[in-house]
């Protein structure tokens, strides 16, 4: 980390002379490809609303951790989110309801449970604001190391399961005939999303986290001509919006997560116009 700090201190970028800004930039450079890759799998797998529901379940886990007096409630949220993902996969495989209906049921339930626990016995809700809005500037070197490990795990998962997940999403019957288990692939992916969403809440914010999981791939899909371009553009859009959002939030004194989300929305609008022009 000292080498990283020294690099930016030697350059004429005033905002990066602060160590917390250097930490935030490094976190962005790790989060961007993480969300870029995950976004393509979420959009392809038609699980956009599920990632939002996972964020709600993570908040419930955080509330449980705070009520129990645990110093690091995020880890309780990780366990709770994984349990949520496994339960959803179990119910989905044995229900006649559509996926969006089940997601709505689980999402509403976890939101209500989280708010109920957070306000139990008249407790103040203000201490949970940091999880709703997020603050990338508060990221620590230890958390950056954790982000690097998560990114490595997602890259490995992407290489092993990206094609299988795409096939299972587009044609489950064909996937089964090729020896690919759609249920197992979806379950592993939901667990991966649960971990990523939960660990990112305190930095990005629950209210806008889902935009970073959808907009990069949605923008890339507008202009990509093949799968390689689809993944490359998604990572590129996430990277550019992350860096620009951090710079914009620094100069305007606004939320970094919100700035990143708005830039991603702008990229979607621009890429959509190019798509219309191309058609």
Protein backbone atom coordinates (compact mmCIF):
# COMPACT_ATOMS: atom_id res chain seq x y z
CA UNK A 1 0.00 0.00 0.00
CA UNK A 2 2.88 2.39 0.72
CA UNK A 3 4.08 2.01 -2.86
CA UNK A 4 0.55 2.85 -4.05
CA UNK A 5 0.45 5.96 -1.86
CA UNK A 6 3.93 7.09 -2.99
CA UNK A 7 2.95 6.74 -6.63
CA UNK A 8 0.07 9.21 -6.36
CA UNK A 9 1.87 11.58 -4.02
CA UNK A 10 4.49 12.06 -6.73
CA UNK A 11 1.86 13.04 -9.32
CA UNK A 12 0.11 16.43 -9.55
CA UNK A 13 -3.34 15.16 -8.57
CA UNK A 14 -4.36 17.01 -5.43
CA UNK A 15 -7.32 14.79 -4.62
CA UNK A 16 -5.09 11.69 -4.54
CA UNK A 17 -2.66 13.19 -2.05
CA UNK A 18 -5.14 12.07 0.60
CA UNK A 19 -4.72 8.45 1.60
CA UNK A 20 -8.45 7.82 1.91
CA UNK A 21 -8.86 8.94 -1.71
CA UNK A 22 -6.07 6.58 -2.78
CA UNK A 23 -7.84 3.78 -0.95
CA UNK A 24 -11.12 4.69 -2.64
CA UNK A 25 -9.52 4.74 -6.10
CA UNK A 26 -7.91 1.34 -5.58
CA UNK A 27 -11.24 -0.03 -4.33
CA UNK A 28 -12.95 1.35 -7.45
CA UNK A 29 -10.36 -0.31 -9.69
CA UNK A 30 -11.19 -3.62 -8.00
CA UNK A 31 -14.96 -3.15 -7.77
CA UNK A 32 -15.33 -2.10 -11.42
CA UNK A 33 -14.23 -5.38 -13.05
CA UNK A 34 -15.97 -7.27 -10.24
CA UNK A 35 -19.30 -5.60 -10.99
CA UNK A 36 -18.66 -5.59 -14.73
CA UNK A 37 -18.29 -9.38 -14.89
CA UNK A 38 -21.07 -10.05 -12.41
CA UNK A 39 -23.38 -7.67 -14.28
CA UNK A 40 -23.12 -9.65 -17.52
CA UNK A 41 -24.04 -12.87 -15.72
CA UNK A 42 -26.94 -11.21 -13.88
CA UNK A 43 -28.45 -9.64 -17.01
CA UNK A 44 -27.92 -12.78 -19.09
CA UNK A 45 -29.40 -14.92 -16.33
CA UNK A 46 -32.41 -12.58 -15.99
CA UNK A 47 -31.72 -12.09 -12.27
CA UNK A 48 -31.76 -8.29 -12.05
CA UNK A 49 -34.49 -8.14 -9.43
CA UNK A 50 -32.96 -11.01 -7.49
CA UNK A 51 -29.77 -9.02 -6.85
CA UNK A 52 -31.94 -6.23 -5.43
CA UNK A 53 -33.73 -8.72 -3.18
CA UNK A 54 -30.36 -9.97 -1.95
CA UNK A 55 -29.49 -6.42 -0.92
CA UNK A 56 -32.63 -6.31 1.20
CA UNK A 57 -31.74 -9.63 2.81
CA UNK A 58 -28.24 -8.33 3.53
CA UNK A 59 -29.74 -5.36 5.35
CA UNK A 60 -31.75 -7.76 7.51
CA UNK A 61 -28.55 -9.63 8.33
CA UNK A 62 -26.83 -6.39 9.30
CA UNK A 63 -29.75 -5.46 11.55
CA UNK A 64 -29.55 -8.87 13.24
CA UNK A 65 -25.82 -8.44 13.76
CA UNK A 66 -26.25 -4.98 15.29
CA UNK A 67 -29.03 -6.16 17.62
CA UNK A 68 -26.83 -9.05 18.78
CA UNK A 69 -23.98 -6.62 19.47
CA UNK A 70 -21.59 -8.14 16.92
CA UNK A 71 -18.70 -5.79 16.10
CA UNK A 72 -18.67 -6.70 12.38
CA UNK A 73 -22.34 -7.20 11.37
CA UNK A 74 -21.37 -7.49 7.71
CA UNK A 75 -20.29 -11.09 8.26
CA UNK A 76 -23.68 -11.90 9.76
CA UNK A 77 -25.20 -10.33 6.65
CA UNK A 78 -23.04 -12.55 4.42
CA UNK A 79 -24.28 -15.69 6.19
CA UNK A 80 -27.88 -14.47 6.11
CA UNK A 81 -27.68 -13.58 2.41
CA UNK A 82 -26.24 -16.99 1.51
CA UNK A 83 -29.03 -18.66 3.49
CA UNK A 84 -31.52 -16.43 1.65
CA UNK A 85 -30.04 -17.41 -1.73
CA UNK A 86 -30.16 -21.13 -0.90
CA UNK A 87 -33.73 -20.89 0.38
CA UNK A 88 -34.82 -18.99 -2.73
CA UNK A 89 -33.20 -21.60 -5.00
CA UNK A 90 -34.92 -24.38 -3.04
CA UNK A 91 -38.37 -22.77 -3.22
CA UNK A 92 -37.93 -21.81 -6.88
CA UNK A 93 -37.12 -25.39 -7.88
CA UNK A 94 -40.28 -26.67 -6.17
CA UNK A 95 -42.78 -23.94 -7.03
CA UNK A 96 -45.05 -23.24 -9.96
CA UNK A 97 -44.75 -19.49 -9.44
CA UNK A 98 -42.65 -17.41 -11.81
CA UNK A 99 -39.26 -16.18 -10.64
CA UNK A 100 -40.36 -12.53 -10.40
CA UNK A 101 -43.28 -13.48 -8.14
CA UNK A 102 -41.01 -15.41 -5.76
CA UNK A 103 -38.44 -12.60 -5.79
CA UNK A 104 -41.20 -10.16 -4.82
CA UNK A 105 -42.31 -12.41 -1.96
CA UNK A 106 -38.79 -12.85 -0.58
CA UNK A 107 -37.84 -9.19 -1.11
CA UNK A 108 -40.93 -7.79 0.68
CA UNK A 109 -40.49 -10.23 3.54
CA UNK A 110 -36.82 -9.44 4.14
CA UNK A 111 -37.39 -5.68 3.91
CA UNK A 112 -40.18 -5.87 6.50
CA UNK A 113 -38.11 -8.14 8.73
CA UNK A 114 -35.06 -5.88 8.50
CA UNK A 115 -37.00 -2.73 9.38
CA UNK A 116 -38.81 -4.55 12.19
CA UNK A 117 -35.54 -5.73 13.75
CA UNK A 118 -33.78 -2.39 13.20
CA UNK A 119 -36.56 -0.46 15.00
CA UNK A 120 -37.23 -3.07 17.68
CA UNK A 121 -37.81 -1.55 21.15
CA UNK A 122 -37.68 1.95 19.74
CA UNK A 123 -34.11 1.66 18.40
CA UNK A 124 -32.87 4.53 16.27
CA UNK A 125 -32.68 3.84 12.53
CA UNK A 126 -30.02 6.49 11.88
CA UNK A 127 -27.12 4.12 12.56
CA UNK A 128 -28.14 2.16 9.47
CA UNK A 129 -27.92 5.16 7.14
CA UNK A 130 -24.36 4.29 6.17
CA UNK A 131 -25.60 1.01 4.71
CA UNK A 132 -28.37 2.73 2.76
CA UNK A 133 -26.18 5.43 1.20
CA UNK A 134 -22.69 3.89 1.40
CA UNK A 135 -19.30 5.56 1.58
CA UNK A 136 -16.47 4.34 -0.64
CA UNK A 137 -14.15 6.83 1.09
CA UNK A 138 -14.32 4.76 4.28
CA UNK A 139 -12.79 1.64 2.71
CA UNK A 140 -9.70 0.35 4.55
CA UNK A 141 -6.59 -1.45 3.24
CA UNK A 142 -7.85 -4.68 4.85
CA UNK A 143 -11.15 -4.39 3.02
CA UNK A 144 -9.29 -3.68 -0.22
CA UNK A 145 -7.41 -6.96 0.26
CA UNK A 146 -10.75 -8.72 0.76
CA UNK A 147 -12.07 -7.12 -2.42
CA UNK A 148 -9.06 -8.44 -4.33
CA UNK A 149 -9.79 -11.98 -3.09
CA UNK A 150 -13.46 -11.68 -4.04
CA UNK A 151 -12.50 -10.41 -7.50
CA UNK A 152 -10.14 -13.35 -7.96
CA UNK A 153 -12.90 -15.77 -6.94
CA UNK A 154 -15.38 -14.16 -9.36
CA UNK A 155 -12.87 -14.35 -12.23
CA UNK A 156 -12.34 -18.06 -11.54
CA UNK A 157 -16.12 -18.59 -11.36
CA UNK A 158 -16.60 -16.66 -14.58
CA UNK A 159 -14.06 -18.80 -16.47
CA UNK A 160 -15.59 -22.03 -15.14
CA UNK A 161 -19.30 -21.25 -15.24
CA UNK A 162 -19.95 -18.31 -17.59
CA UNK A 163 -20.80 -20.47 -20.61
CA UNK A 164 -22.76 -22.92 -18.48
CA UNK A 165 -24.78 -20.13 -16.89
CA UNK A 166 -25.55 -18.61 -20.29
CA UNK A 167 -26.68 -21.96 -21.66
CA UNK A 168 -28.73 -22.76 -18.55
CA UNK A 169 -30.46 -19.37 -18.79
CA UNK A 170 -31.17 -19.47 -22.53
CA UNK A 171 -32.11 -23.14 -22.87
CA UNK A 172 -32.30 -25.21 -19.63
CA UNK A 173 -33.31 -28.40 -21.48
CA UNK A 174 -30.33 -28.17 -23.83
CA UNK A 175 -28.04 -27.47 -20.86
CA UNK A 176 -29.28 -30.63 -19.12
CA UNK A 177 -28.70 -32.68 -22.26
CA UNK A 178 -25.11 -31.40 -22.35
CA UNK A 179 -24.48 -32.52 -18.77
CA UNK A 180 -24.91 -29.04 -17.26
CA UNK A 181 -27.10 -28.85 -14.16
CA UNK A 182 -29.14 -25.62 -14.39
CA UNK A 183 -30.13 -25.88 -10.72
CA UNK A 184 -26.54 -26.27 -9.47
CA UNK A 185 -25.24 -23.53 -11.75
CA UNK A 186 -27.96 -21.10 -10.66
CA UNK A 187 -27.41 -21.95 -6.98
CA UNK A 188 -23.66 -21.34 -7.15
CA UNK A 189 -24.29 -18.07 -8.95
CA UNK A 190 -26.85 -16.87 -6.43
CA UNK A 191 -24.37 -17.56 -3.63
CA UNK A 192 -21.71 -15.54 -5.50
CA UNK A 193 -24.12 -12.62 -5.93
CA UNK A 194 -25.04 -12.81 -2.23
CA UNK A 195 -21.41 -12.45 -1.15
CA UNK A 196 -20.67 -9.61 -3.60
CA UNK A 197 -23.81 -7.63 -2.75
CA UNK A 198 -23.35 -7.99 1.01
CA UNK A 199 -19.69 -7.01 1.07
CA UNK A 200 -20.35 -3.96 -1.14
CA UNK A 201 -23.29 -2.47 0.76
CA UNK A 202 -21.27 -0.33 3.18
CA UNK A 203 -19.24 1.18 0.30
CA UNK A 204 -21.85 1.58 -2.45
CA UNK A 205 -25.11 1.78 -0.52
CA UNK A 206 -28.17 -0.45 -0.58
CA UNK A 207 -30.35 2.11 -2.35
CA UNK A 208 -28.21 2.25 -5.49
CA UNK A 209 -26.19 -0.95 -5.36
CA UNK A 210 -28.40 -2.75 -7.86
CA UNK A 211 -27.73 -0.12 -10.52
CA UNK A 212 -24.06 -1.13 -10.56
CA UNK A 213 -25.11 -4.75 -11.02
CA UNK A 214 -27.38 -4.03 -14.00
CA UNK A 215 -26.33 -0.89 -15.87
CA UNK A 216 -22.83 -1.96 -17.04
CA UNK A 217 -24.13 -5.06 -18.83
CA UNK A 218 -27.32 -3.32 -19.98
CA UNK A 219 -25.21 -0.58 -21.60
CA UNK A 220 -22.81 -3.09 -23.11
CA UNK A 221 -25.68 -5.10 -24.56
CA UNK A 222 -26.80 -2.06 -26.55
CA UNK A 223 -23.64 -1.96 -28.67
CA UNK A 224 -21.89 -5.33 -28.30
CA UNK A 225 -21.84 -7.56 -31.38
CA UNK A 226 -20.63 -10.72 -29.63
CA UNK A 227 -20.04 -12.16 -26.17
CA UNK A 228 -16.43 -11.00 -26.03
CA UNK A 229 -17.44 -7.39 -26.69
CA UNK A 230 -20.34 -7.78 -24.27
CA UNK A 231 -18.04 -8.63 -21.35
CA UNK A 232 -15.33 -6.16 -22.40
CA UNK A 233 -17.72 -3.21 -22.73
CA UNK A 234 -19.39 -4.05 -19.42
CA UNK A 235 -16.05 -3.95 -17.58
CA UNK A 236 -15.02 -0.80 -19.44
CA UNK A 237 -18.26 1.03 -18.61
CA UNK A 238 -17.98 0.02 -14.96
CA UNK A 239 -14.35 1.16 -14.80
CA UNK A 240 -14.87 4.53 -16.50
CA UNK A 241 -18.00 5.35 -14.49
CA UNK A 242 -16.28 4.36 -11.25
CA UNK A 243 -13.29 6.65 -11.77
CA UNK A 244 -15.37 9.55 -13.13
CA UNK A 245 -17.92 9.13 -10.34
CA UNK A 246 -15.20 9.28 -7.69
CA UNK A 247 -13.74 12.46 -9.24
CA UNK A 248 -17.16 14.07 -9.60
CA UNK A 249 -18.19 13.26 -6.03
CA UNK A 250 -14.91 14.69 -4.70
CA UNK A 251 -15.32 18.03 -6.45
CA UNK A 252 -19.06 18.38 -5.78
CA UNK A 253 -19.10 16.87 -2.29
CA UNK A 254 -21.78 14.33 -3.23
CA UNK A 255 -22.21 10.59 -2.72
CA UNK A 256 -19.68 8.57 -4.73
CA UNK A 257 -22.07 5.67 -5.24
CA UNK A 258 -24.80 7.97 -6.56
CA UNK A 259 -22.36 9.73 -8.90
CA UNK A 260 -21.18 6.39 -10.30
CA UNK A 261 -24.76 5.25 -10.79
CA UNK A 262 -25.75 8.45 -12.62
CA UNK A 263 -22.77 8.21 -14.97
CA UNK A 264 -23.69 4.60 -15.71
CA UNK A 265 -27.24 5.72 -16.49
CA UNK A 266 -25.83 8.34 -18.87
CA UNK A 267 -23.71 5.67 -20.55
CA UNK A 268 -26.80 3.52 -21.00
CA UNK A 269 -28.62 6.42 -22.65
CA UNK A 270 -25.71 7.14 -24.98
CA UNK A 271 -25.20 3.48 -25.89
CA UNK A 272 -28.94 3.15 -26.51
CA UNK A 273 -28.80 6.03 -28.99
CA UNK A 274 -25.93 4.32 -30.84
CA UNK A 275 -27.97 1.13 -30.89
CA UNK A 276 -30.92 2.96 -32.43
CA UNK A 277 -28.65 4.63 -34.95
CA UNK A 278 -27.09 1.29 -35.87
CA UNK A 279 -30.51 -0.30 -36.35
